[in-house]
Amino acid sequence: MRRWYLVHTKPLGEADARSNLERQGYEIYFPRLLQTVRRRQRWCEQIAPLFPRYLFLNLDEGRQSLKPAHSTLGVATIVRFGSRYATVPDSIVAQLQMRADGESGLHRLAGHSSLSPGTSVRVVEGPLEGVEGVFECETGSHRVLILLNLLGHQARVQMLKCAVAPTNRATWT
């Protein structure tokens, strides 16, 4: 019988643990996330673990043992609750795998689904942090166009979707 187990890795050791476990014949699922971050005053995309320090290990209980996994380079431990190993339902891992991008295998965080034209928003990061405006439209998978009242004039500003958040005020019409 095949079951998914949860592997806790050493800090920043997910990739090492994955390659070493796969080399030993284990099936591993390592969900990763494509995220937009700010580095040195610039926005860039980076790949990061969806669950930092955790991997899923699929084990055929009749043929394989978890014992070698304990001493694998990069692995801190196999997650347990008391004396029993924690198992993850197949449906959860299957859903994670289905939500990953088909080509890259990476996950993407959804943007603000509550943003519709006329929604009041506030800039939450960047040089315009704290400025309020009105959401106009999405201009791509990661960018939005908002109207800001700057120095007495309305200005259309394009920015990353993650840099704006809806305010608690009613939407504008």
N, C-alpha and C. Protein backbone atom coordinates (compact mmCIF):
# COMPACT_ATOMS: atom_id res chain seq x y z
N MET A 1 0.84 -1.18 0.00
CA MET A 1 0.00 0.00 0.00
C MET A 1 0.88 1.24 0.00
N ARG A 2 0.54 2.19 -0.86
CA ARG A 2 1.32 3.42 -0.96
C ARG A 2 0.69 4.48 -0.08
N ARG A 3 1.55 5.23 0.63
CA ARG A 3 1.11 6.33 1.50
C ARG A 3 2.08 7.49 1.37
N TRP A 4 1.54 8.68 1.58
CA TRP A 4 2.36 9.89 1.59
C TRP A 4 2.74 10.22 3.02
N TYR A 5 4.02 10.46 3.24
CA TYR A 5 4.54 10.86 4.55
C TYR A 5 5.11 12.26 4.44
N LEU A 6 5.20 12.94 5.55
CA LEU A 6 5.70 14.30 5.57
C LEU A 6 7.13 14.31 6.10
N VAL A 7 8.04 14.86 5.31
CA VAL A 7 9.46 14.91 5.67
C VAL A 7 9.79 16.35 6.08
N HIS A 8 10.38 16.50 7.25
CA HIS A 8 10.84 17.81 7.72
C HIS A 8 12.33 17.89 7.40
N THR A 9 12.71 18.93 6.64
CA THR A 9 14.10 19.03 6.20
C THR A 9 14.89 19.99 7.08
N LYS A 10 16.17 19.98 6.88
CA LYS A 10 17.04 20.96 7.55
C LYS A 10 16.81 22.33 6.91
N PRO A 11 17.16 23.42 7.59
CA PRO A 11 16.95 24.74 7.00
C PRO A 11 17.58 24.87 5.62
N LEU A 12 16.78 25.31 4.66
CA LEU A 12 17.19 25.47 3.27
C LEU A 12 17.69 24.16 2.66
N GLY A 13 17.25 23.03 3.20
CA GLY A 13 17.73 21.74 2.74
C GLY A 13 16.74 20.96 1.90
N GLU A 14 15.67 21.61 1.44
CA GLU A 14 14.64 20.89 0.69
C GLU A 14 15.20 20.26 -0.59
N ALA A 15 15.96 21.02 -1.36
CA ALA A 15 16.49 20.52 -2.63
C ALA A 15 17.48 19.38 -2.41
N ASP A 16 18.35 19.50 -1.40
CA ASP A 16 19.30 18.42 -1.10
C ASP A 16 18.57 17.17 -0.65
N ALA A 17 17.59 17.33 0.24
CA ALA A 17 16.83 16.18 0.73
C ALA A 17 16.10 15.52 -0.43
N ARG A 18 15.51 16.33 -1.30
CA ARG A 18 14.77 15.78 -2.44
C ARG A 18 15.67 14.93 -3.33
N SER A 19 16.80 15.50 -3.74
CA SER A 19 17.68 14.76 -4.65
C SER A 19 18.24 13.50 -3.99
N ASN A 20 18.61 13.59 -2.71
CA ASN A 20 19.16 12.41 -2.03
C ASN A 20 18.10 11.33 -1.81
N LEU A 21 16.87 11.73 -1.50
CA LEU A 21 15.80 10.74 -1.33
C LEU A 21 15.44 10.09 -2.67
N GLU A 22 15.38 10.88 -3.73
CA GLU A 22 15.09 10.32 -5.05
C GLU A 22 16.19 9.36 -5.49
N ARG A 23 17.43 9.68 -5.15
CA ARG A 23 18.55 8.80 -5.48
C ARG A 23 18.40 7.44 -4.80
N GLN A 24 17.71 7.42 -3.65
CA GLN A 24 17.49 6.16 -2.92
C GLN A 24 16.23 5.43 -3.39
N GLY A 25 15.54 5.97 -4.39
CA GLY A 25 14.38 5.29 -4.96
C GLY A 25 13.03 5.73 -4.40
N TYR A 26 13.00 6.77 -3.58
CA TYR A 26 11.73 7.27 -3.05
C TYR A 26 11.08 8.22 -4.06
N GLU A 27 9.76 8.22 -4.08
CA GLU A 27 9.02 9.20 -4.88
C GLU A 27 8.78 10.41 -3.99
N ILE A 28 9.18 11.58 -4.46
CA ILE A 28 9.10 12.82 -3.68
C ILE A 28 8.24 13.83 -4.42
N TYR A 29 7.43 14.56 -3.67
CA TYR A 29 6.72 15.71 -4.23
C TYR A 29 7.16 16.93 -3.43
N PHE A 30 7.75 17.89 -4.15
CA PHE A 30 8.28 19.11 -3.56
C PHE A 30 7.57 20.30 -4.21
N PRO A 31 6.42 20.73 -3.65
CA PRO A 31 5.70 21.84 -4.26
C PRO A 31 6.46 23.16 -4.08
N ARG A 32 6.61 23.87 -5.19
CA ARG A 32 7.32 25.14 -5.16
C ARG A 32 6.43 26.25 -5.70
N LEU A 33 6.77 27.46 -5.34
CA LEU A 33 5.96 28.63 -5.61
C LEU A 33 6.75 29.65 -6.40
N LEU A 34 6.12 30.22 -7.41
CA LEU A 34 6.72 31.34 -8.12
C LEU A 34 6.16 32.60 -7.50
N GLN A 35 7.03 33.40 -6.89
CA GLN A 35 6.56 34.59 -6.20
C GLN A 35 7.35 35.82 -6.65
N THR A 36 6.69 36.97 -6.52
CA THR A 36 7.31 38.23 -6.89
C THR A 36 7.84 38.88 -5.62
N VAL A 37 9.13 39.20 -5.62
CA VAL A 37 9.76 39.81 -4.44
C VAL A 37 10.54 41.05 -4.87
N ARG A 38 10.82 41.88 -3.89
CA ARG A 38 11.60 43.08 -4.17
C ARG A 38 13.02 42.86 -3.68
N ARG A 39 13.98 43.05 -4.59
CA ARG A 39 15.39 42.91 -4.24
C ARG A 39 16.14 44.09 -4.83
N ARG A 40 16.90 44.77 -3.98
CA ARG A 40 17.73 45.90 -4.42
C ARG A 40 16.92 46.90 -5.25
N GLN A 41 15.80 47.32 -4.71
CA GLN A 41 14.95 48.32 -5.34
C GLN A 41 14.30 47.86 -6.64
N ARG A 42 14.33 46.56 -6.94
CA ARG A 42 13.73 46.04 -8.17
C ARG A 42 12.83 44.86 -7.84
N TRP A 43 11.78 44.71 -8.62
CA TRP A 43 10.89 43.57 -8.47
C TRP A 43 11.40 42.44 -9.35
N CYS A 44 11.42 41.24 -8.81
CA CYS A 44 11.83 40.08 -9.59
C CYS A 44 11.06 38.86 -9.12
N GLU A 45 11.05 37.83 -9.94
CA GLU A 45 10.38 36.60 -9.57
C GLU A 45 11.41 35.61 -9.07
N GLN A 46 11.01 34.86 -8.05
CA GLN A 46 11.90 33.82 -7.52
C GLN A 46 11.08 32.59 -7.21
N ILE A 47 11.74 31.46 -7.21
CA ILE A 47 11.10 30.19 -6.89
C ILE A 47 11.43 29.87 -5.44
N ALA A 48 10.38 29.56 -4.66
CA ALA A 48 10.55 29.26 -3.24
C ALA A 48 9.67 28.06 -2.90
N PRO A 49 9.99 27.35 -1.83
CA PRO A 49 9.14 26.23 -1.42
C PRO A 49 7.74 26.72 -1.03
N LEU A 50 6.72 25.98 -1.42
CA LEU A 50 5.35 26.31 -1.01
C LEU A 50 5.20 26.07 0.49
N PHE A 51 5.83 25.01 0.99
CA PHE A 51 5.86 24.71 2.42
C PHE A 51 7.33 24.63 2.85
N PRO A 52 7.90 25.75 3.29
CA PRO A 52 9.33 25.73 3.65
C PRO A 52 9.67 24.64 4.65
N ARG A 53 10.73 23.92 4.36
CA ARG A 53 11.28 22.83 5.17
C ARG A 53 10.46 21.55 5.15
N TYR A 54 9.52 21.41 4.19
CA TYR A 54 8.71 20.18 4.13
C TYR A 54 8.67 19.62 2.72
N LEU A 55 8.69 18.29 2.63
CA LEU A 55 8.53 17.53 1.39
C LEU A 55 7.51 16.43 1.65
N PHE A 56 6.92 15.93 0.58
CA PHE A 56 6.03 14.77 0.68
C PHE A 56 6.76 13.57 0.11
N LEU A 57 6.75 12.46 0.84
CA LEU A 57 7.43 11.24 0.43
C LEU A 57 6.39 10.16 0.26
N ASN A 58 6.32 9.56 -0.95
CA ASN A 58 5.37 8.49 -1.23
C ASN A 58 6.10 7.17 -1.07
N LEU A 59 5.59 6.35 -0.16
CA LEU A 59 6.28 5.11 0.21
C LEU A 59 5.39 3.91 -0.07
N ASP A 60 5.96 2.90 -0.72
CA ASP A 60 5.28 1.63 -0.90
C ASP A 60 5.64 0.79 0.32
N GLU A 61 4.69 0.71 1.27
CA GLU A 61 4.99 0.11 2.58
C GLU A 61 5.44 -1.34 2.52
N GLY A 62 5.01 -2.08 1.52
CA GLY A 62 5.42 -3.48 1.41
C GLY A 62 6.83 -3.66 0.86
N ARG A 63 7.33 -2.66 0.16
CA ARG A 63 8.63 -2.79 -0.51
C ARG A 63 9.72 -1.89 0.04
N GLN A 64 9.34 -0.77 0.63
CA GLN A 64 10.34 0.20 1.08
C GLN A 64 10.21 0.42 2.58
N SER A 65 11.29 0.92 3.16
CA SER A 65 11.31 1.25 4.58
C SER A 65 11.62 2.75 4.74
N LEU A 66 11.10 3.32 5.81
CA LEU A 66 11.40 4.73 6.11
C LEU A 66 12.75 4.90 6.80
N LYS A 67 13.33 3.83 7.29
CA LYS A 67 14.58 3.94 8.05
C LYS A 67 15.70 4.66 7.30
N PRO A 68 15.96 4.33 6.02
CA PRO A 68 17.04 5.06 5.33
C PRO A 68 16.75 6.55 5.18
N ALA A 69 15.48 6.93 5.12
CA ALA A 69 15.13 8.34 4.94
C ALA A 69 15.54 9.17 6.14
N HIS A 70 15.53 8.58 7.33
CA HIS A 70 15.89 9.31 8.55
C HIS A 70 17.32 9.85 8.51
N SER A 71 18.22 9.09 7.92
CA SER A 71 19.63 9.50 7.93
C SER A 71 20.07 10.10 6.60
N THR A 72 19.12 10.48 5.77
CA THR A 72 19.45 11.06 4.47
C THR A 72 19.92 12.50 4.64
N LEU A 73 20.94 12.87 3.90
CA LEU A 73 21.47 14.22 3.94
C LEU A 73 20.38 15.22 3.55
N GLY A 74 20.16 16.22 4.39
CA GLY A 74 19.14 17.23 4.16
C GLY A 74 17.86 17.00 4.94
N VAL A 75 17.65 15.78 5.43
CA VAL A 75 16.44 15.44 6.18
C VAL A 75 16.69 15.66 7.66
N ALA A 76 15.79 16.40 8.31
CA ALA A 76 15.87 16.57 9.77
C ALA A 76 15.16 15.42 10.46
N THR A 77 13.93 15.12 10.01
CA THR A 77 13.16 14.02 10.59
C THR A 77 11.95 13.71 9.71
N ILE A 78 11.32 12.61 9.98
CA ILE A 78 10.03 12.28 9.39
C ILE A 78 9.00 12.69 10.44
N VAL A 79 8.01 13.46 10.06
CA VAL A 79 7.05 14.01 11.03
C VAL A 79 6.26 12.88 11.69
N ARG A 80 6.15 12.97 13.01
CA ARG A 80 5.40 11.99 13.80
C ARG A 80 4.45 12.69 14.75
N PHE A 81 3.44 11.96 15.13
CA PHE A 81 2.56 12.36 16.22
C PHE A 81 2.66 11.24 17.24
N GLY A 82 3.44 11.49 18.27
CA GLY A 82 3.72 10.43 19.24
C GLY A 82 4.63 9.41 18.59
N SER A 83 4.22 8.16 18.60
CA SER A 83 5.04 7.11 18.00
C SER A 83 4.61 6.78 16.58
N ARG A 84 3.56 7.44 16.07
CA ARG A 84 3.05 7.15 14.73
C ARG A 84 3.49 8.22 13.74
N TYR A 85 3.90 7.76 12.58
CA TYR A 85 4.27 8.69 11.52
C TYR A 85 3.03 9.39 10.99
N ALA A 86 3.18 10.66 10.68
CA ALA A 86 2.08 11.43 10.12
C ALA A 86 1.94 11.07 8.63
N THR A 87 0.74 10.70 8.22
CA THR A 87 0.49 10.43 6.81
C THR A 87 -0.41 11.54 6.26
N VAL A 88 -0.23 11.82 4.99
CA VAL A 88 -1.00 12.85 4.32
C VAL A 88 -1.94 12.15 3.35
N PRO A 89 -3.24 12.47 3.40
CA PRO A 89 -4.18 11.82 2.48
C PRO A 89 -3.79 12.04 1.01
N ASP A 90 -3.98 11.00 0.20
CA ASP A 90 -3.67 11.08 -1.22
C ASP A 90 -4.40 12.24 -1.89
N SER A 91 -5.62 12.53 -1.44
CA SER A 91 -6.42 13.58 -2.07
C SER A 91 -5.77 14.96 -1.92
N ILE A 92 -5.12 15.20 -0.79
CA ILE A 92 -4.47 16.50 -0.57
C ILE A 92 -3.28 16.66 -1.51
N VAL A 93 -2.46 15.65 -1.62
CA VAL A 93 -1.30 15.73 -2.52
C VAL A 93 -1.78 15.82 -3.97
N ALA A 94 -2.83 15.08 -4.32
CA ALA A 94 -3.37 15.13 -5.69
C ALA A 94 -3.89 16.53 -6.01
N GLN A 95 -4.56 17.18 -5.06
CA GLN A 95 -5.06 18.53 -5.29
C GLN A 95 -3.91 19.52 -5.46
N LEU A 96 -2.87 19.37 -4.64
CA LEU A 96 -1.70 20.24 -4.80
C LEU A 96 -1.08 20.06 -6.17
N GLN A 97 -0.95 18.83 -6.61
CA GLN A 97 -0.35 18.56 -7.92
C GLN A 97 -1.22 19.10 -9.05
N MET A 98 -2.54 19.03 -8.90
CA MET A 98 -3.45 19.54 -9.93
C MET A 98 -3.40 21.07 -10.02
N ARG A 99 -3.16 21.75 -8.91
CA ARG A 99 -3.15 23.21 -8.90
C ARG A 99 -1.83 23.80 -9.39
N ALA A 100 -0.84 22.97 -9.57
CA ALA A 100 0.45 23.44 -10.08
C ALA A 100 0.34 23.70 -11.58
N ASP A 101 1.15 24.61 -12.08
CA ASP A 101 1.20 24.91 -13.51
C ASP A 101 1.63 23.66 -14.26
N GLY A 102 0.95 23.34 -15.35
CA GLY A 102 1.23 22.12 -16.10
C GLY A 102 2.62 22.06 -16.69
N GLU A 103 3.14 23.19 -17.17
CA GLU A 103 4.45 23.20 -17.80
C GLU A 103 5.59 23.26 -16.80
N SER A 104 5.52 24.20 -15.87
CA SER A 104 6.64 24.42 -14.95
C SER A 104 6.53 23.60 -13.67
N GLY A 105 5.31 23.19 -13.30
CA GLY A 105 5.12 22.48 -12.04
C GLY A 105 5.09 23.41 -10.84
N LEU A 106 5.12 24.73 -11.09
CA LEU A 106 5.15 25.70 -10.00
C LEU A 106 3.75 26.17 -9.64
N HIS A 107 3.58 26.57 -8.40
CA HIS A 107 2.32 27.14 -7.93
C HIS A 107 2.42 28.65 -8.02
N ARG A 108 1.28 29.29 -8.15
CA ARG A 108 1.21 30.75 -8.14
C ARG A 108 0.15 31.14 -7.14
N LEU A 109 0.44 32.18 -6.38
CA LEU A 109 -0.56 32.69 -5.45
C LEU A 109 -1.56 33.51 -6.24
N ALA A 110 -2.82 33.34 -5.90
CA ALA A 110 -3.87 34.09 -6.57
C ALA A 110 -3.81 35.54 -6.12
N GLY A 111 -4.17 36.43 -7.01
CA GLY A 111 -4.23 37.84 -6.67
C GLY A 111 -5.50 38.14 -5.89
N HIS A 112 -5.77 39.40 -5.67
CA HIS A 112 -6.96 39.80 -4.94
C HIS A 112 -8.18 39.59 -5.81
N SER A 113 -8.99 38.59 -5.52
CA SER A 113 -10.17 38.33 -6.32
C SER A 113 -11.27 39.33 -6.02
N SER A 114 -11.16 40.07 -4.91
CA SER A 114 -12.20 41.02 -4.55
C SER A 114 -12.03 42.35 -5.28
N LEU A 115 -11.04 42.48 -6.13
CA LEU A 115 -10.83 43.73 -6.84
C LEU A 115 -11.67 43.74 -8.11
N SER A 116 -12.59 44.66 -8.14
CA SER A 116 -13.38 44.88 -9.35
C SER A 116 -13.31 46.37 -9.65
N PRO A 117 -13.56 46.76 -10.89
CA PRO A 117 -13.45 48.18 -11.22
C PRO A 117 -14.26 49.05 -10.26
N GLY A 118 -13.60 50.08 -9.74
CA GLY A 118 -14.24 50.99 -8.80
C GLY A 118 -13.96 50.69 -7.34
N THR A 119 -13.27 49.58 -7.05
CA THR A 119 -12.95 49.22 -5.67
C THR A 119 -11.89 50.16 -5.10
N SER A 120 -12.11 50.63 -3.87
CA SER A 120 -11.11 51.47 -3.19
C SER A 120 -9.95 50.59 -2.77
N VAL A 121 -8.74 51.04 -3.08
CA VAL A 121 -7.53 50.27 -2.73
C VAL A 121 -6.51 51.18 -2.05
N ARG A 122 -5.57 50.55 -1.37
CA ARG A 122 -4.46 51.26 -0.73
C ARG A 122 -3.18 50.58 -1.17
N VAL A 123 -2.18 51.37 -1.50
CA VAL A 123 -0.87 50.83 -1.85
C VAL A 123 -0.22 50.37 -0.55
N VAL A 124 0.21 49.11 -0.50
CA VAL A 124 0.74 48.54 0.74
C VAL A 124 2.25 48.37 0.75
N GLU A 125 2.89 48.63 -0.40
CA GLU A 125 4.36 48.59 -0.42
C GLU A 125 4.89 49.39 -1.58
N GLY A 126 6.12 49.80 -1.45
CA GLY A 126 6.75 50.60 -2.49
C GLY A 126 6.77 52.07 -2.14
N PRO A 127 7.23 52.91 -3.05
CA PRO A 127 7.37 54.34 -2.75
C PRO A 127 6.03 55.04 -2.53
N LEU A 128 4.93 54.49 -3.01
CA LEU A 128 3.62 55.10 -2.83
C LEU A 128 2.84 54.47 -1.68
N GLU A 129 3.53 53.75 -0.80
CA GLU A 129 2.88 53.06 0.31
C GLU A 129 2.00 54.02 1.11
N GLY A 130 0.77 53.58 1.37
CA GLY A 130 -0.17 54.38 2.15
C GLY A 130 -1.11 55.22 1.31
N VAL A 131 -0.80 55.43 0.04
CA VAL A 131 -1.65 56.24 -0.84
C VAL A 131 -2.87 55.40 -1.23
N GLU A 132 -4.04 56.04 -1.20
CA GLU A 132 -5.27 55.36 -1.57
C GLU A 132 -5.69 55.76 -2.96
N GLY A 133 -6.38 54.84 -3.64
CA GLY A 133 -6.84 55.10 -4.99
C GLY A 133 -8.01 54.21 -5.33
N VAL A 134 -8.26 54.08 -6.63
CA VAL A 134 -9.38 53.28 -7.13
C VAL A 134 -8.85 52.29 -8.15
N PHE A 135 -9.23 51.03 -7.97
CA PHE A 135 -8.84 49.98 -8.90
C PHE A 135 -9.57 50.20 -10.22
N GLU A 136 -8.81 50.15 -11.34
CA GLU A 136 -9.42 50.31 -12.65
C GLU A 136 -9.51 48.99 -13.40
N CYS A 137 -8.36 48.28 -13.55
CA CYS A 137 -8.38 47.00 -14.27
C CYS A 137 -7.06 46.25 -14.05
N GLU A 138 -7.07 44.98 -14.44
CA GLU A 138 -5.83 44.19 -14.45
C GLU A 138 -5.17 44.41 -15.79
N THR A 139 -3.85 44.50 -15.79
CA THR A 139 -3.12 44.71 -17.05
C THR A 139 -2.22 43.53 -17.38
N GLY A 140 -2.35 42.48 -16.65
CA GLY A 140 -1.56 41.28 -16.87
C GLY A 140 -1.80 40.34 -15.70
N SER A 141 -1.06 39.25 -15.68
CA SER A 141 -1.29 38.28 -14.60
C SER A 141 -0.79 38.78 -13.25
N HIS A 142 0.15 39.74 -13.24
CA HIS A 142 0.71 40.23 -11.98
C HIS A 142 0.55 41.73 -11.78
N ARG A 143 -0.05 42.44 -12.74
CA ARG A 143 -0.10 43.90 -12.66
C ARG A 143 -1.53 44.41 -12.72
N VAL A 144 -1.73 45.57 -12.08
CA VAL A 144 -3.03 46.24 -12.08
C VAL A 144 -2.84 47.72 -12.40
N LEU A 145 -3.92 48.33 -12.84
CA LEU A 145 -3.93 49.76 -13.12
C LEU A 145 -4.85 50.41 -12.10
N ILE A 146 -4.32 51.40 -11.36
CA ILE A 146 -5.14 52.08 -10.37
C ILE A 146 -5.09 53.59 -10.63
N LEU A 147 -6.15 54.26 -10.20
CA LEU A 147 -6.22 55.71 -10.31
C LEU A 147 -5.86 56.30 -8.96
N LEU A 148 -4.85 57.14 -8.93
CA LEU A 148 -4.41 57.79 -7.70
C LEU A 148 -4.63 59.29 -7.82
N ASN A 149 -5.00 59.92 -6.72
CA ASN A 149 -5.13 61.36 -6.69
C ASN A 149 -3.83 61.91 -6.13
N LEU A 150 -2.94 62.34 -7.01
CA LEU A 150 -1.62 62.83 -6.63
C LEU A 150 -1.50 64.30 -6.98
N LEU A 151 -1.19 65.12 -5.98
CA LEU A 151 -0.98 66.55 -6.17
C LEU A 151 -2.14 67.22 -6.90
N GLY A 152 -3.37 66.80 -6.56
CA GLY A 152 -4.56 67.42 -7.13
C GLY A 152 -4.94 66.91 -8.51
N HIS A 153 -4.23 65.96 -9.04
CA HIS A 153 -4.53 65.40 -10.36
C HIS A 153 -4.73 63.89 -10.23
N GLN A 154 -5.64 63.36 -11.05
CA GLN A 154 -5.79 61.91 -11.09
C GLN A 154 -4.74 61.34 -12.03
N ALA A 155 -4.02 60.36 -11.54
CA ALA A 155 -2.97 59.73 -12.36
C ALA A 155 -3.21 58.23 -12.41
N ARG A 156 -3.09 57.66 -13.60
CA ARG A 156 -3.17 56.20 -13.76
C ARG A 156 -1.79 55.65 -13.47
N VAL A 157 -1.74 54.69 -12.56
CA VAL A 157 -0.46 54.09 -12.18
C VAL A 157 -0.58 52.58 -12.32
N GLN A 158 0.40 52.00 -12.99
CA GLN A 158 0.44 50.55 -13.12
C GLN A 158 1.40 50.02 -12.08
N MET A 159 0.97 48.99 -11.34
CA MET A 159 1.84 48.41 -10.31
C MET A 159 1.52 46.94 -10.13
N LEU A 160 2.36 46.27 -9.34
CA LEU A 160 2.16 44.86 -9.08
C LEU A 160 0.89 44.65 -8.26
N LYS A 161 0.18 43.58 -8.58
CA LYS A 161 -1.06 43.24 -7.88
C LYS A 161 -0.82 43.06 -6.39
N CYS A 162 0.34 42.50 -6.02
CA CYS A 162 0.62 42.26 -4.61
C CYS A 162 0.93 43.54 -3.84
N ALA A 163 1.10 44.66 -4.55
CA ALA A 163 1.42 45.93 -3.88
C ALA A 163 0.19 46.72 -3.50
N VAL A 164 -1.00 46.22 -3.85
CA VAL A 164 -2.24 46.92 -3.49
C VAL A 164 -3.16 45.98 -2.74
N ALA A 165 -3.99 46.57 -1.88
CA ALA A 165 -4.97 45.80 -1.12
C ALA A 165 -6.26 46.60 -1.04
N PRO A 166 -7.40 45.91 -1.06
CA PRO A 166 -8.66 46.63 -0.95
C PRO A 166 -8.78 47.28 0.42
N THR A 167 -9.41 48.46 0.46
CA THR A 167 -9.68 49.12 1.74
C THR A 167 -11.05 48.67 2.21
N ASN A 168 -11.41 49.04 3.42
CA ASN A 168 -12.71 48.66 3.96
C ASN A 168 -13.82 49.60 3.53
N ARG A 169 -13.49 50.60 2.75
CA ARG A 169 -14.50 51.56 2.30
C ARG A 169 -15.34 50.98 1.18
N ALA A 170 -16.50 51.57 0.98
CA ALA A 170 -17.39 51.14 -0.10
C ALA A 170 -16.73 51.41 -1.45
N THR A 171 -17.12 50.64 -2.45
CA THR A 171 -16.54 50.83 -3.78
C THR A 171 -17.12 52.07 -4.43
N TRP A 172 -16.39 52.65 -5.34
CA TRP A 172 -16.80 53.84 -6.06
C TRP A 172 -17.55 53.41 -7.31
N THR A 173 -18.47 54.21 -7.74
CA THR A 173 -19.19 53.87 -8.96
C THR A 173 -19.05 54.97 -9.99
